[in-house]
Amino acid sequence: MNPIAYDDFAKVDIRTGTIVEVNPFPNARKPSWQLLIDFGPELGLKRSSAQLTTLYSAEQLLQKQVLAVVNFPPRQIANFFSEVLVLGLEQDAGAGVVLLQPERRVENGVRMS
């Protein structure tokens, strides 16, 4: 493990958002969903690609609140630009990714502190 300074960690902007749209992403290398996430009035709607198909159906993801890094530059994945990085915990190979979520509902756009 490589230690980092607290100031480096503080640069990572992690916010809450609610998934408002889920679409298949057939052009992704690994099975993924295309997500539209509402981060509240300050940040608005942002898109993300997430490898969540093993554990979550589109219906299960709708209206789910998630945590995401919102200050990485957009990343092109196939024909799609992912604007935020949805956070999750990867289990053993093939077991799927478990979303990181707030323990209770909070406003969209709240910054992790």
PDB file of N, CA and C in Angstrom:
ATOM      1  N   MET A   1       0.844  -1.169   0.000  1.00  0.00           N
ATOM      2  CA  MET A   1       0.000   0.000   0.000  1.00  0.00           C
ATOM      3  C   MET A   1       0.894   1.238   0.000  1.00  0.00           C
ATOM      4  N   ASN A   2       0.581   2.182  -0.883  1.00  0.00           N
ATOM      5  CA  ASN A   2       1.327   3.436  -0.964  1.00  0.00           C
ATOM      6  C   ASN A   2       0.550   4.531  -0.244  1.00  0.00           C
ATOM      7  N   PRO A   3       1.079   5.074   0.855  1.00  0.00           N
ATOM      8  CA  PRO A   3       0.372   6.150   1.553  1.00  0.00           C
ATOM      9  C   PRO A   3       0.313   7.416   0.694  1.00  0.00           C
ATOM     10  N   ILE A   4      -0.773   8.158   0.858  1.00  0.00           N
ATOM     11  CA  ILE A   4      -0.907   9.462   0.198  1.00  0.00           C
ATOM     12  C   ILE A   4      -1.166  10.508   1.274  1.00  0.00           C
ATOM     13  N   ALA A   5      -0.924  11.737   0.915  1.00  0.00           N
ATOM     14  CA  ALA A   5      -1.191  12.843   1.837  1.00  0.00           C
ATOM     15  C   ALA A   5      -2.696  13.123   1.864  1.00  0.00           C
ATOM     16  N   TYR A   6      -3.179  13.587   3.012  1.00  0.00           N
ATOM     17  CA  TYR A   6      -4.592  13.924   3.136  1.00  0.00           C
ATOM     18  C   TYR A   6      -5.005  14.950   2.086  1.00  0.00           C
ATOM     19  N   ASP A   7      -4.120  15.907   1.802  1.00  0.00           N
ATOM     20  CA  ASP A   7      -4.435  16.933   0.804  1.00  0.00           C
ATOM     21  C   ASP A   7      -4.719  16.317  -0.565  1.00  0.00           C
ATOM     22  N   ASP A   8      -4.026  15.225  -0.909  1.00  0.00           N
ATOM     23  CA  ASP A   8      -4.300  14.532  -2.181  1.00  0.00           C
ATOM     24  C   ASP A   8      -5.691  13.914  -2.162  1.00  0.00           C
ATOM     25  N   PHE A   9      -6.051  13.256  -1.065  1.00  0.00           N
ATOM     26  CA  PHE A   9      -7.375  12.657  -0.953  1.00  0.00           C
ATOM     27  C   PHE A   9      -8.470  13.727  -1.002  1.00  0.00           C
ATOM     28  N   ALA A  10      -8.215  14.858  -0.383  1.00  0.00           N
ATOM     29  CA  ALA A  10      -9.218  15.929  -0.332  1.00  0.00           C
ATOM     30  C   ALA A  10      -9.545  16.485  -1.721  1.00  0.00           C
ATOM     31  N   LYS A  11      -8.674  16.261  -2.700  1.00  0.00           N
ATOM     32  CA  LYS A  11      -8.929  16.729  -4.066  1.00  0.00           C
ATOM     33  C   LYS A  11      -9.993  15.899  -4.778  1.00  0.00           C
ATOM     34  N   VAL A  12     -10.248  14.690  -4.285  1.00  0.00           N
ATOM     35  CA  VAL A  12     -11.237  13.817  -4.909  1.00  0.00           C
ATOM     36  C   VAL A  12     -12.624  14.258  -4.454  1.00  0.00           C
ATOM     37  N   ASP A  13     -13.456  14.647  -5.407  1.00  0.00           N
ATOM     38  CA  ASP A  13     -14.804  15.151  -5.116  1.00  0.00           C
ATOM     39  C   ASP A  13     -15.807  14.008  -5.289  1.00  0.00           C
ATOM     40  N   ILE A  14     -16.263  13.457  -4.170  1.00  0.00           N
ATOM     41  CA  ILE A  14     -17.219  12.349  -4.179  1.00  0.00           C
ATOM     42  C   ILE A  14     -18.569  12.890  -3.739  1.00  0.00           C
ATOM     43  N   ARG A  15     -19.591  12.676  -4.577  1.00  0.00           N
ATOM     44  CA  ARG A  15     -20.931  13.226  -4.322  1.00  0.00           C
ATOM     45  C   ARG A  15     -21.997  12.142  -4.406  1.00  0.00           C
ATOM     46  N   THR A  16     -23.145  12.446  -3.818  1.00  0.00           N
ATOM     47  CA  THR A  16     -24.300  11.560  -3.933  1.00  0.00           C
ATOM     48  C   THR A  16     -25.108  11.938  -5.171  1.00  0.00           C
ATOM     49  N   GLY A  17     -25.662  10.928  -5.792  1.00  0.00           N
ATOM     50  CA  GLY A  17     -26.536  11.141  -6.937  1.00  0.00           C
ATOM     51  C   GLY A  17     -27.546  10.017  -7.017  1.00  0.00           C
ATOM     52  N   THR A  18     -28.634  10.278  -7.736  1.00  0.00           N
ATOM     53  CA  THR A  18     -29.687   9.284  -7.917  1.00  0.00           C
ATOM     54  C   THR A  18     -29.748   8.884  -9.384  1.00  0.00           C
ATOM     55  N   ILE A  19     -29.735   7.589  -9.626  1.00  0.00           N
ATOM     56  CA  ILE A  19     -29.813   7.076 -10.995  1.00  0.00           C
ATOM     57  C   ILE A  19     -31.234   7.290 -11.517  1.00  0.00           C
ATOM     58  N   VAL A  20     -31.351   8.030 -12.617  1.00  0.00           N
ATOM     59  CA  VAL A  20     -32.668   8.349 -13.175  1.00  0.00           C
ATOM     60  C   VAL A  20     -32.926   7.666 -14.514  1.00  0.00           C
ATOM     61  N   GLU A  21     -31.882   7.089 -15.107  1.00  0.00           N
ATOM     62  CA  GLU A  21     -32.050   6.391 -16.387  1.00  0.00           C
ATOM     63  C   GLU A  21     -30.977   5.309 -16.494  1.00  0.00           C
ATOM     64  N   VAL A  22     -31.371   4.132 -17.003  1.00  0.00           N
ATOM     65  CA  VAL A  22     -30.452   3.010 -17.192  1.00  0.00           C
ATOM     66  C   VAL A  22     -30.686   2.444 -18.580  1.00  0.00           C
ATOM     67  N   ASN A  23     -29.604   2.311 -19.355  1.00  0.00           N
ATOM     68  CA  ASN A  23     -29.706   1.758 -20.701  1.00  0.00           C
ATOM     69  C   ASN A  23     -28.644   0.694 -20.917  1.00  0.00           C
ATOM     70  N   PRO A  24     -28.935  -0.292 -21.759  1.00  0.00           N
ATOM     71  CA  PRO A  24     -27.919  -1.289 -22.093  1.00  0.00           C
ATOM     72  C   PRO A  24     -26.735  -0.620 -22.790  1.00  0.00           C
ATOM     73  N   PHE A  25     -25.566  -1.228 -22.697  1.00  0.00           N
ATOM     74  CA  PHE A  25     -24.357  -0.709 -23.336  1.00  0.00           C
ATOM     75  C   PHE A  25     -23.694  -1.851 -24.110  1.00  0.00           C
ATOM     76  N   PRO A  26     -24.268  -2.210 -25.259  1.00  0.00           N
ATOM     77  CA  PRO A  26     -23.757  -3.362 -26.014  1.00  0.00           C
ATOM     78  C   PRO A  26     -22.358  -3.155 -26.592  1.00  0.00           C
ATOM     79  N   ASN A  27     -21.895  -1.912 -26.739  1.00  0.00           N
ATOM     80  CA  ASN A  27     -20.567  -1.648 -27.313  1.00  0.00           C
ATOM     81  C   ASN A  27     -19.434  -1.710 -26.293  1.00  0.00           C
ATOM     82  N   ALA A  28     -19.748  -1.859 -25.022  1.00  0.00           N
ATOM     83  CA  ALA A  28     -18.708  -1.940 -23.988  1.00  0.00           C
ATOM     84  C   ALA A  28     -17.983  -3.281 -24.088  1.00  0.00           C
ATOM     85  N   ARG A  29     -16.685  -3.274 -23.749  1.00  0.00           N
ATOM     86  CA  ARG A  29     -15.897  -4.521 -23.758  1.00  0.00           C
ATOM     87  C   ARG A  29     -16.425  -5.522 -22.751  1.00  0.00           C
ATOM     88  N   LYS A  30     -16.757  -5.043 -21.551  1.00  0.00           N
ATOM     89  CA  LYS A  30     -17.316  -5.891 -20.497  1.00  0.00           C
ATOM     90  C   LYS A  30     -18.763  -5.484 -20.290  1.00  0.00           C
ATOM     91  N   PRO A  31     -19.644  -6.422 -19.911  1.00  0.00           N
ATOM     92  CA  PRO A  31     -21.059  -6.086 -19.719  1.00  0.00           C
ATOM     93  C   PRO A  31     -21.233  -4.890 -18.782  1.00  0.00           C
ATOM     94  N   SER A  32     -21.960  -3.895 -19.264  1.00  0.00           N
ATOM     95  CA  SER A  32     -22.114  -2.636 -18.516  1.00  0.00           C
ATOM     96  C   SER A  32     -23.483  -2.024 -18.784  1.00  0.00           C
ATOM     97  N   TRP A  33     -23.831  -1.095 -17.916  1.00  0.00           N
ATOM     98  CA  TRP A  33     -24.998  -0.246 -18.105  1.00  0.00           C
ATOM     99  C   TRP A  33     -24.535   1.177 -18.382  1.00  0.00           C
ATOM    100  N   GLN A  34     -25.310   1.913 -19.169  1.00  0.00           N
ATOM    101  CA  GLN A  34     -25.134   3.357 -19.301  1.00  0.00           C
ATOM    102  C   GLN A  34     -26.111   3.988 -18.317  1.00  0.00           C
ATOM    103  N   LEU A  35     -25.591   4.833 -17.439  1.00  0.00           N
ATOM    104  CA  LEU A  35     -26.400   5.454 -16.393  1.00  0.00           C
ATOM    105  C   LEU A  35     -26.492   6.958 -16.599  1.00  0.00           C
ATOM    106  N   LEU A  36     -27.646   7.512 -16.282  1.00  0.00           N
ATOM    107  CA  LEU A  36     -27.825   8.954 -16.169  1.00  0.00           C
ATOM    108  C   LEU A  36     -28.127   9.215 -14.704  1.00  0.00           C
ATOM    109  N   ILE A  37     -27.308  10.072 -14.083  1.00  0.00           N
ATOM    110  CA  ILE A  37     -27.374  10.272 -12.638  1.00  0.00           C
ATOM    111  C   ILE A  37     -27.634  11.738 -12.336  1.00  0.00           C
ATOM    112  N   ASP A  38     -28.592  11.994 -11.445  1.00  0.00           N
ATOM    113  CA  ASP A  38     -28.936  13.355 -11.018  1.00  0.00           C
ATOM    114  C   ASP A  38     -28.112  13.705  -9.778  1.00  0.00           C
ATOM    115  N   PHE A  39     -27.230  14.709  -9.914  1.00  0.00           N
ATOM    116  CA  PHE A  39     -26.397  15.167  -8.810  1.00  0.00           C
ATOM    117  C   PHE A  39     -26.898  16.481  -8.224  1.00  0.00           C
ATOM    118  N   GLY A  40     -28.149  16.806  -8.434  1.00  0.00           N
ATOM    119  CA  GLY A  40     -28.732  18.005  -7.839  1.00  0.00           C
ATOM    120  C   GLY A  40     -28.479  19.249  -8.660  1.00  0.00           C
ATOM    121  N   PRO A  41     -28.972  20.409  -8.173  1.00  0.00           N
ATOM    122  CA  PRO A  41     -28.938  21.643  -8.963  1.00  0.00           C
ATOM    123  C   PRO A  41     -27.533  22.152  -9.301  1.00  0.00           C
ATOM    124  N   GLU A  42     -26.554  21.928  -8.451  1.00  0.00           N
ATOM    125  CA  GLU A  42     -25.210  22.454  -8.710  1.00  0.00           C
ATOM    126  C   GLU A  42     -24.517  21.729  -9.869  1.00  0.00           C
ATOM    127  N   LEU A  43     -24.596  20.411  -9.893  1.00  0.00           N
ATOM    128  CA  LEU A  43     -23.904  19.621 -10.913  1.00  0.00           C
ATOM    129  C   LEU A  43     -24.818  19.106 -12.020  1.00  0.00           C
ATOM    130  N   GLY A  44     -26.088  18.953 -11.729  1.00  0.00           N
ATOM    131  CA  GLY A  44     -27.046  18.497 -12.740  1.00  0.00           C
ATOM    132  C   GLY A  44     -26.915  17.020 -13.068  1.00  0.00           C
ATOM    133  N   LEU A  45     -27.278  16.682 -14.305  1.00  0.00           N
ATOM    134  CA  LEU A  45     -27.267  15.302 -14.776  1.00  0.00           C
ATOM    135  C   LEU A  45     -25.912  14.955 -15.372  1.00  0.00           C
ATOM    136  N   LYS A  46     -25.392  13.792 -15.015  1.00  0.00           N
ATOM    137  CA  LYS A  46     -24.110  13.308 -15.530  1.00  0.00           C
ATOM    138  C   LYS A  46     -24.275  11.858 -15.971  1.00  0.00           C
ATOM    139  N   ARG A  47     -23.473  11.474 -16.969  1.00  0.00           N
ATOM    140  CA  ARG A  47     -23.515  10.108 -17.493  1.00  0.00           C
ATOM    141  C   ARG A  47     -22.347   9.289 -16.970  1.00  0.00           C
ATOM    142  N   SER A  48     -22.601   7.982 -16.843  1.00  0.00           N
ATOM    143  CA  SER A  48     -21.550   7.072 -16.420  1.00  0.00           C
ATOM    144  C   SER A  48     -21.798   5.698 -17.026  1.00  0.00           C
ATOM    145  N   SER A  49     -20.714   4.990 -17.267  1.00  0.00           N
ATOM    146  CA  SER A  49     -20.786   3.586 -17.654  1.00  0.00           C
ATOM    147  C   SER A  49     -20.357   2.788 -16.435  1.00  0.00           C
ATOM    148  N   ALA A  50     -21.119   1.745 -16.098  1.00  0.00           N
ATOM    149  CA  ALA A  50     -20.805   0.983 -14.888  1.00  0.00           C
ATOM    150  C   ALA A  50     -20.999  -0.505 -15.124  1.00  0.00           C
ATOM    151  N   GLN A  51     -20.011  -1.282 -14.699  1.00  0.00           N
ATOM    152  CA  GLN A  51     -20.048  -2.735 -14.849  1.00  0.00           C
ATOM    153  C   GLN A  51     -20.823  -3.344 -13.680  1.00  0.00           C
ATOM    154  N   LEU A  52     -22.127  -3.194 -13.742  1.00  0.00           N
ATOM    155  CA  LEU A  52     -22.996  -3.620 -12.646  1.00  0.00           C
ATOM    156  C   LEU A  52     -23.991  -4.696 -13.064  1.00  0.00           C
ATOM    157  N   THR A  53     -23.846  -5.222 -14.267  1.00  0.00           N
ATOM    158  CA  THR A  53     -24.875  -6.122 -14.812  1.00  0.00           C
ATOM    159  C   THR A  53     -24.969  -7.457 -14.084  1.00  0.00           C
ATOM    160  N   THR A  54     -23.921  -7.890 -13.418  1.00  0.00           N
ATOM    161  CA  THR A  54     -23.956  -9.182 -12.728  1.00  0.00           C
ATOM    162  C   THR A  54     -24.929  -9.165 -11.554  1.00  0.00           C
ATOM    163  N   LEU A  55     -24.955  -8.076 -10.797  1.00  0.00           N
ATOM    164  CA  LEU A  55     -25.767  -8.026  -9.575  1.00  0.00           C
ATOM    165  C   LEU A  55     -27.007  -7.152  -9.660  1.00  0.00           C
ATOM    166  N   TYR A  56     -27.089  -6.275 -10.694  1.00  0.00           N
ATOM    167  CA  TYR A  56     -28.193  -5.314 -10.733  1.00  0.00           C
ATOM    168  C   TYR A  56     -28.868  -5.311 -12.100  1.00  0.00           C
ATOM    169  N   SER A  57     -30.186  -5.420 -12.092  1.00  0.00           N
ATOM    170  CA  SER A  57     -30.958  -5.230 -13.321  1.00  0.00           C
ATOM    171  C   SER A  57     -31.186  -3.729 -13.500  1.00  0.00           C
ATOM    172  N   ALA A  58     -31.638  -3.346 -14.678  1.00  0.00           N
ATOM    173  CA  ALA A  58     -31.948  -1.933 -14.925  1.00  0.00           C
ATOM    174  C   ALA A  58     -33.009  -1.443 -13.943  1.00  0.00           C
ATOM    175  N   GLU A  59     -34.005  -2.264 -13.687  1.00  0.00           N
ATOM    176  CA  GLU A  59     -35.096  -1.888 -12.774  1.00  0.00           C
ATOM    177  C   GLU A  59     -34.579  -1.683 -11.349  1.00  0.00           C
ATOM    178  N   GLN A  60     -33.626  -2.521 -10.924  1.00  0.00           N
ATOM    179  CA  GLN A  60     -33.081  -2.390  -9.575  1.00  0.00           C
ATOM    180  C   GLN A  60     -32.235  -1.122  -9.414  1.00  0.00           C
ATOM    181  N   LEU A  61     -31.643  -0.663 -10.498  1.00  0.00           N
ATOM    182  CA  LEU A  61     -30.784   0.522 -10.422  1.00  0.00           C
ATOM    183  C   LEU A  61     -31.566   1.827 -10.438  1.00  0.00           C
ATOM    184  N   LEU A  62     -32.720   1.846 -11.089  1.00  0.00           N
ATOM    185  CA  LEU A  62     -33.501   3.086 -11.173  1.00  0.00           C
ATOM    186  C   LEU A  62     -33.849   3.605  -9.784  1.00  0.00           C
ATOM    187  N   GLN A  63     -33.615   4.875  -9.567  1.00  0.00           N
ATOM    188  CA  GLN A  63     -33.880   5.599  -8.323  1.00  0.00           C
ATOM    189  C   GLN A  63     -32.956   5.202  -7.173  1.00  0.00           C
ATOM    190  N   LYS A  64     -31.921   4.404  -7.459  1.00  0.00           N
ATOM    191  CA  LYS A  64     -30.952   4.035  -6.431  1.00  0.00           C
ATOM    192  C   LYS A  64     -29.973   5.199  -6.245  1.00  0.00           C
ATOM    193  N   GLN A  65     -29.696   5.532  -5.000  1.00  0.00           N
ATOM    194  CA  GLN A  65     -28.734   6.587  -4.720  1.00  0.00           C
ATOM    195  C   GLN A  65     -27.338   5.973  -4.637  1.00  0.00           C
ATOM    196  N   VAL A  66     -26.365   6.643  -5.260  1.00  0.00           N
ATOM    197  CA  VAL A  66     -25.002   6.121  -5.350  1.00  0.00           C
ATOM    198  C   VAL A  66     -24.002   7.195  -4.962  1.00  0.00           C
ATOM    199  N   LEU A  67     -22.744   6.770  -4.794  1.00  0.00           N
ATOM    200  CA  LEU A  67     -21.629   7.683  -4.595  1.00  0.00           C
ATOM    201  C   LEU A  67     -20.769   7.642  -5.846  1.00  0.00           C
ATOM    202  N   ALA A  68     -20.287   8.802  -6.279  1.00  0.00           N
ATOM    203  CA  ALA A  68     -19.479   8.867  -7.494  1.00  0.00           C
ATOM    204  C   ALA A  68     -18.443   9.975  -7.397  1.00  0.00           C
ATOM    205  N   VAL A  69     -17.298   9.737  -8.037  1.00  0.00           N
ATOM    206  CA  VAL A  69     -16.280  10.777  -8.186  1.00  0.00           C
ATOM    207  C   VAL A  69     -16.732  11.656  -9.352  1.00  0.00           C
ATOM    208  N   VAL A  70     -16.859  12.948  -9.100  1.00  0.00           N
ATOM    209  CA  VAL A  70     -17.407  13.849 -10.123  1.00  0.00           C
ATOM    210  C   VAL A  70     -16.363  14.782 -10.729  1.00  0.00           C
ATOM    211  N   ASN A  71     -15.111  14.712 -10.276  1.00  0.00           N
ATOM    212  CA  ASN A  71     -14.116  15.653 -10.810  1.00  0.00           C
ATOM    213  C   ASN A  71     -12.992  14.972 -11.584  1.00  0.00           C
ATOM    214  N   PHE A  72     -13.211  13.761 -12.097  1.00  0.00           N
ATOM    215  CA  PHE A  72     -12.290  13.181 -13.074  1.00  0.00           C
ATOM    216  C   PHE A  72     -12.656  13.725 -14.447  1.00  0.00           C
ATOM    217  N   PRO A  73     -11.710  13.801 -15.375  1.00  0.00           N
ATOM    218  CA  PRO A  73     -12.079  14.207 -16.736  1.00  0.00           C
ATOM    219  C   PRO A  73     -12.940  13.127 -17.385  1.00  0.00           C
ATOM    220  N   PRO A  74     -13.810  13.509 -18.331  1.00  0.00           N
ATOM    221  CA  PRO A  74     -14.625  12.509 -19.032  1.00  0.00           C
ATOM    222  C   PRO A  74     -13.738  11.465 -19.700  1.00  0.00           C
ATOM    223  N   ARG A  75     -14.256  10.231 -19.755  1.00  0.00           N
ATOM    224  CA  ARG A  75     -13.495   9.135 -20.344  1.00  0.00           C
ATOM    225  C   ARG A  75     -14.346   8.470 -21.421  1.00  0.00           C
ATOM    226  N   GLN A  76     -13.764   8.327 -22.605  1.00  0.00           N
ATOM    227  CA  GLN A  76     -14.500   7.685 -23.685  1.00  0.00           C
ATOM    228  C   GLN A  76     -14.403   6.171 -23.548  1.00  0.00           C
ATOM    229  N   ILE A  77     -15.560   5.536 -23.543  1.00  0.00           N
ATOM    230  CA  ILE A  77     -15.651   4.081 -23.493  1.00  0.00           C
ATOM    231  C   ILE A  77     -16.495   3.684 -24.698  1.00  0.00           C
ATOM    232  N   ALA A  78     -15.837   3.091 -25.693  1.00  0.00           N
ATOM    233  CA  ALA A  78     -16.489   2.780 -26.982  1.00  0.00           C
ATOM    234  C   ALA A  78     -17.056   4.083 -27.541  1.00  0.00           C
ATOM    235  N   ASN A  79     -18.365   4.125 -27.802  1.00  0.00           N
ATOM    236  CA  ASN A  79     -18.995   5.311 -28.395  1.00  0.00           C
ATOM    237  C   ASN A  79     -19.683   6.191 -27.348  1.00  0.00           C
ATOM    238  N   PHE A  80     -19.257   6.112 -26.090  1.00  0.00           N
ATOM    239  CA  PHE A  80     -19.944   6.761 -24.974  1.00  0.00           C
ATOM    240  C   PHE A  80     -18.928   7.533 -24.128  1.00  0.00           C
ATOM    241  N   PHE A  81     -19.286   8.716 -23.659  1.00  0.00           N
ATOM    242  CA  PHE A  81     -18.424   9.481 -22.761  1.00  0.00           C
ATOM    243  C   PHE A  81     -18.963   9.372 -21.335  1.00  0.00           C
ATOM    244  N   SER A  82     -18.156   8.784 -20.465  1.00  0.00           N
ATOM    245  CA  SER A  82     -18.492   8.642 -19.060  1.00  0.00           C
ATOM    246  C   SER A  82     -17.955   9.866 -18.329  1.00  0.00           C
ATOM    247  N   GLU A  83     -18.843  10.595 -17.654  1.00  0.00           N
ATOM    248  CA  GLU A  83     -18.470  11.860 -17.012  1.00  0.00           C
ATOM    249  C   GLU A  83     -18.114  11.710 -15.534  1.00  0.00           C
ATOM    250  N   VAL A  84     -18.597  10.647 -14.894  1.00  0.00           N
ATOM    251  CA  VAL A  84     -18.338  10.418 -13.468  1.00  0.00           C
ATOM    252  C   VAL A  84     -17.995   8.950 -13.257  1.00  0.00           C
ATOM    253  N   LEU A  85     -17.332   8.666 -12.137  1.00  0.00           N
ATOM    254  CA  LEU A  85     -16.976   7.298 -11.787  1.00  0.00           C
ATOM    255  C   LEU A  85     -17.838   6.851 -10.614  1.00  0.00           C
ATOM    256  N   VAL A  86     -18.781   5.959 -10.886  1.00  0.00           N
ATOM    257  CA  VAL A  86     -19.625   5.398  -9.839  1.00  0.00           C
ATOM    258  C   VAL A  86     -18.757   4.447  -9.014  1.00  0.00           C
ATOM    259  N   LEU A  87     -18.864   4.541  -7.689  1.00  0.00           N
ATOM    260  CA  LEU A  87     -18.000   3.757  -6.811  1.00  0.00           C
ATOM    261  C   LEU A  87     -18.663   2.451  -6.382  1.00  0.00           C
ATOM    262  N   GLY A  88     -17.854   1.405  -6.378  1.00  0.00           N
ATOM    263  CA  GLY A  88     -18.334   0.101  -5.960  1.00  0.00           C
ATOM    264  C   GLY A  88     -17.184  -0.746  -5.473  1.00  0.00           C
ATOM    265  N   LEU A  89     -17.529  -1.894  -4.940  1.00  0.00           N
ATOM    266  CA  LEU A  89     -16.545  -2.840  -4.428  1.00  0.00           C
ATOM    267  C   LEU A  89     -16.579  -4.079  -5.301  1.00  0.00           C
ATOM    268  N   GLU A  90     -15.440  -4.395  -5.911  1.00  0.00           N
ATOM    269  CA  GLU A  90     -15.367  -5.559  -6.783  1.00  0.00           C
ATOM    270  C   GLU A  90     -15.093  -6.799  -5.947  1.00  0.00           C
ATOM    271  N   GLN A  91     -15.984  -7.766  -6.102  1.00  0.00           N
ATOM    272  CA  GLN A  91     -15.810  -9.033  -5.393  1.00  0.00           C
ATOM    273  C   GLN A  91     -14.874  -9.929  -6.191  1.00  0.00           C
ATOM    274  N   ASP A  92     -14.734 -11.165  -5.789  1.00  0.00           N
ATOM    275  CA  ASP A  92     -13.919 -12.121  -6.538  1.00  0.00           C
ATOM    276  C   ASP A  92     -14.310 -12.107  -8.002  1.00  0.00           C
ATOM    277  N   ALA A  93     -13.371 -12.480  -8.860  1.00  0.00           N
ATOM    278  CA  ALA A  93     -13.591 -12.469 -10.313  1.00  0.00           C
ATOM    279  C   ALA A  93     -14.935 -13.090 -10.671  1.00  0.00           C
ATOM    280  N   GLY A  94     -15.724 -12.326 -11.410  1.00  0.00           N
ATOM    281  CA  GLY A  94     -17.011 -12.819 -11.889  1.00  0.00           C
ATOM    282  C   GLY A  94     -18.162 -12.688 -10.914  1.00  0.00           C
ATOM    283  N   ALA A  95     -17.884 -12.313  -9.657  1.00  0.00           N
ATOM    284  CA  ALA A  95     -18.951 -12.224  -8.653  1.00  0.00           C
ATOM    285  C   ALA A  95     -19.704 -10.900  -8.721  1.00  0.00           C
ATOM    286  N   GLY A  96     -19.170  -9.924  -9.442  1.00  0.00           N
ATOM    287  CA  GLY A  96     -19.877  -8.665  -9.613  1.00  0.00           C
ATOM    288  C   GLY A  96     -19.374  -7.548  -8.713  1.00  0.00           C
ATOM    289  N   VAL A  97     -19.859  -6.353  -9.015  1.00  0.00           N
ATOM    290  CA  VAL A  97     -19.500  -5.140  -8.287  1.00  0.00           C
ATOM    291  C   VAL A  97     -20.698  -4.725  -7.432  1.00  0.00           C
ATOM    292  N   VAL A  98     -20.442  -4.461  -6.147  1.00  0.00           N
ATOM    293  CA  VAL A  98     -21.461  -3.995  -5.218  1.00  0.00           C
ATOM    294  C   VAL A  98     -21.345  -2.482  -5.106  1.00  0.00           C
ATOM    295  N   LEU A  99     -22.432  -1.768  -5.329  1.00  0.00           N
ATOM    296  CA  LEU A  99     -22.426  -0.307  -5.254  1.00  0.00           C
ATOM    297  C   LEU A  99     -22.145   0.199  -3.847  1.00  0.00           C
ATOM    298  N   LEU A 100     -21.402   1.305  -3.771  1.00  0.00           N
ATOM    299  CA  LEU A 100     -21.275   2.038  -2.515  1.00  0.00           C
ATOM    300  C   LEU A 100     -22.423   3.034  -2.458  1.00  0.00           C
ATOM    301  N   GLN A 101     -23.134   3.049  -1.339  1.00  0.00           N
ATOM    302  CA  GLN A 101     -24.305   3.906  -1.198  1.00  0.00           C
ATOM    303  C   GLN A 101     -24.328   4.540   0.183  1.00  0.00           C
ATOM    304  N   PRO A 102     -24.982   5.702   0.304  1.00  0.00           N
ATOM    305  CA  PRO A 102     -25.169   6.260   1.639  1.00  0.00           C
ATOM    306  C   PRO A 102     -26.061   5.315   2.467  1.00  0.00           C
ATOM    307  N   GLU A 103     -25.853   5.287   3.741  1.00  0.00           N
ATOM    308  CA  GLU A 103     -26.615   4.425   4.641  1.00  0.00           C
ATOM    309  C   GLU A 103     -28.090   4.835   4.699  1.00  0.00           C
ATOM    310  N   ARG A 104     -28.361   6.108   4.462  1.00  0.00           N
ATOM    311  CA  ARG A 104     -29.750   6.598   4.365  1.00  0.00           C
ATOM    312  C   ARG A 104     -29.792   7.671   3.300  1.00  0.00           C
ATOM    313  N   ARG A 105     -30.978   7.962   2.817  1.00  0.00           N
ATOM    314  CA  ARG A 105     -31.146   8.905   1.713  1.00  0.00           C
ATOM    315  C   ARG A 105     -30.718  10.312   2.149  1.00  0.00           C
ATOM    316  N   VAL A 106     -29.972  10.974   1.263  1.00  0.00           N
ATOM    317  CA  VAL A 106     -29.555  12.361   1.468  1.00  0.00           C
ATOM    318  C   VAL A 106     -29.856  13.118   0.175  1.00  0.00           C
ATOM    319  N   GLU A 107     -29.689  14.432   0.211  1.00  0.00           N
ATOM    320  CA  GLU A 107     -29.915  15.221  -1.000  1.00  0.00           C
ATOM    321  C   GLU A 107     -28.881  14.857  -2.055  1.00  0.00           C
ATOM    322  N   ASN A 108     -29.301  14.929  -3.322  1.00  0.00           N
ATOM    323  CA  ASN A 108     -28.356  14.726  -4.411  1.00  0.00           C
ATOM    324  C   ASN A 108     -27.341  15.847  -4.425  1.00  0.00           C
ATOM    325  N   GLY A 109     -26.087  15.500  -4.661  1.00  0.00           N
ATOM    326  CA  GLY A 109     -25.037  16.496  -4.755  1.00  0.00           C
ATOM    327  C   GLY A 109     -24.271  16.723  -3.471  1.00  0.00           C
ATOM    328  N   VAL A 110     -24.678  16.070  -2.375  1.00  0.00           N
ATOM    329  CA  VAL A 110     -23.951  16.236  -1.115  1.00  0.00           C
ATOM    330  C   VAL A 110     -22.550  15.661  -1.273  1.00  0.00           C
ATOM    331  N   ARG A 111     -21.569  16.440  -0.843  1.00  0.00           N
ATOM    332  CA  ARG A 111     -20.168  16.017  -0.956  1.00  0.00           C
ATOM    333  C   ARG A 111     -19.764  15.167   0.247  1.00  0.00           C
ATOM    334  N   MET A 112     -19.026  14.093  -0.036  1.00  0.00           N
ATOM    335  CA  MET A 112     -18.501  13.272   1.034  1.00  0.00           C
ATOM    336  C   MET A 112     -17.495  14.088   1.834  1.00  0.00           C
ATOM    337  N   SER A 113     -17.579  13.978   3.151  1.00  0.00           N
ATOM    338  CA  SER A 113     -16.652  14.742   4.001  1.00  0.00           C
ATOM    339  C   SER A 113     -15.939  13.828   4.965  1.00  0.00           C
TER     340      SER A 113
END
